Amino acid sequence: AKNDNDYDTYNDDVEKADSGTLKEYFATCIPGLAPMLSQELISLGATNVEESGTSGVRFYNDPSSNVDIGMKALLWVRTAHRIMELVTTSEDFDDWDIEDR
């Protein structure tokens, strides 16, 4: 049976693993609200905030901070429809590369 100390140790390990890593997020909004969404994210502590068209904003956490800006944005941003975290990337392949595999 697990006790409370096991739970605390697990949470400490998770926080250590996540701290210091750069996380990328993307938030969607109603077209035309991207500038307002950008300002909201900046005021919460997001870094490298850049608008993507009129209805989206890409932003990053501050790796030196122990605050998860993605979770903070989920709780406090009012102009976003969705807030998504980039979990993986892949190389771009053209048709020639795919046919050769």
Protein backbone atom coordinates (compact mmCIF):
# COMPACT_ATOMS: atom_id res chain seq x y z
CA ALA A 1 0.00 0.00 0.00
CA LYS A 2 1.22 3.50 -0.81
CA ASN A 3 1.45 6.12 1.84
CA ASP A 4 1.43 9.91 1.58
CA ASN A 5 5.24 10.04 1.45
CA ASP A 6 5.28 8.00 -1.79
CA TYR A 7 2.82 10.45 -3.34
CA ASP A 8 4.90 13.47 -2.29
CA THR A 9 8.09 11.86 -3.62
CA TYR A 10 6.39 11.15 -6.96
CA ASN A 11 5.17 14.76 -7.26
CA ASP A 12 8.64 16.10 -6.44
CA ASP A 13 10.14 13.92 -9.18
CA VAL A 14 7.56 15.12 -11.73
CA GLU A 15 8.24 18.77 -10.88
CA LYS A 16 11.99 18.26 -11.19
CA ALA A 17 11.57 16.58 -14.57
CA ASP A 18 9.41 19.41 -15.92
CA SER A 19 11.35 22.37 -14.54
CA GLY A 20 13.92 23.87 -16.87
CA THR A 21 12.38 22.53 -20.08
CA LEU A 22 11.01 24.80 -22.77
CA LYS A 23 7.38 24.00 -23.58
CA GLU A 24 5.55 25.30 -26.63
CA TYR A 25 1.83 26.08 -26.64
CA PHE A 26 -0.75 27.26 -29.14
CA ALA A 27 -3.98 29.03 -28.24
CA THR A 28 -6.92 29.58 -30.58
CA CYS A 29 -9.46 32.39 -30.37
CA ILE A 30 -12.22 34.15 -32.29
CA PRO A 31 -10.80 35.79 -35.45
CA GLY A 32 -9.60 39.29 -34.62
CA LEU A 33 -8.90 38.63 -30.92
CA ALA A 34 -5.30 37.43 -31.32
CA PRO A 35 -3.83 40.79 -30.17
CA MET A 36 -5.94 40.70 -26.98
CA LEU A 37 -5.05 37.05 -26.39
CA SER A 38 -1.36 37.89 -26.82
CA GLN A 39 -1.61 40.61 -24.19
CA GLU A 40 -3.38 38.26 -21.78
CA LEU A 41 -0.67 35.63 -22.19
CA ILE A 42 2.14 38.16 -21.75
CA SER A 43 0.53 39.45 -18.55
CA LEU A 44 0.44 35.86 -17.21
CA GLY A 45 4.15 35.33 -17.87
CA ALA A 46 4.28 33.65 -21.30
CA THR A 47 7.42 34.26 -23.33
CA ASN A 48 8.07 34.52 -27.08
CA VAL A 49 4.41 35.29 -27.71
CA GLU A 50 3.66 35.57 -31.43
CA GLU A 51 0.37 35.88 -33.23
CA SER A 52 -0.39 33.32 -35.92
CA GLY A 53 -2.90 34.91 -38.25
CA THR A 54 -5.95 36.55 -36.70
CA SER A 55 -7.16 33.63 -34.59
CA GLY A 56 -4.17 32.00 -32.94
CA VAL A 57 -1.19 32.68 -30.72
CA ARG A 58 1.97 30.62 -30.20
CA PHE A 59 3.74 31.02 -26.87
CA TYR A 60 6.31 29.38 -24.60
CA ASN A 61 6.87 28.95 -20.90
CA ASP A 62 9.79 30.52 -19.04
CA PRO A 63 12.19 27.60 -18.39
CA SER A 64 13.66 29.37 -15.36
CA SER A 65 10.23 29.54 -13.70
CA ASN A 66 8.56 26.68 -11.87
CA VAL A 67 5.11 27.89 -13.02
CA ASP A 68 3.42 25.90 -15.79
CA ILE A 69 2.17 28.70 -18.06
CA GLY A 70 -0.06 26.23 -19.92
CA MET A 71 -2.03 25.39 -16.79
CA LYS A 72 -2.09 29.02 -15.72
CA ALA A 73 -3.43 30.02 -19.15
CA LEU A 74 -6.12 27.34 -18.96
CA LEU A 75 -7.32 28.82 -15.68
CA TRP A 76 -7.08 32.54 -16.35
CA VAL A 77 -7.19 33.36 -20.08
CA ARG A 78 -10.66 34.46 -21.12
CA THR A 79 -10.24 35.10 -24.86
CA ALA A 80 -8.94 31.65 -25.90
CA HIS A 81 -11.07 28.79 -27.20
CA ARG A 82 -8.40 26.13 -26.80
CA ILE A 83 -4.91 25.97 -25.37
CA MET A 84 -2.78 23.14 -26.69
CA GLU A 85 0.70 21.96 -25.73
CA LEU A 86 3.03 20.74 -28.45
CA VAL A 87 4.05 17.25 -27.38
CA THR A 88 6.11 16.12 -30.37
CA THR A 89 7.47 17.27 -33.70
CA SER A 90 8.47 15.43 -36.83
CA GLU A 91 10.62 16.11 -39.83
CA ASP A 92 8.98 17.41 -42.98
CA PHE A 93 9.10 14.88 -45.78
CA ASP A 94 8.27 15.51 -49.39
CA ASP A 95 6.63 12.95 -51.68
CA TRP A 96 10.00 11.71 -52.91
CA ASP A 97 11.14 10.79 -49.37
CA ILE A 98 7.94 8.91 -48.62
CA GLU A 99 8.08 6.91 -51.88
CA ASP A 100 11.66 5.85 -51.12
CA ARG A 101 10.70 4.27 -47.78
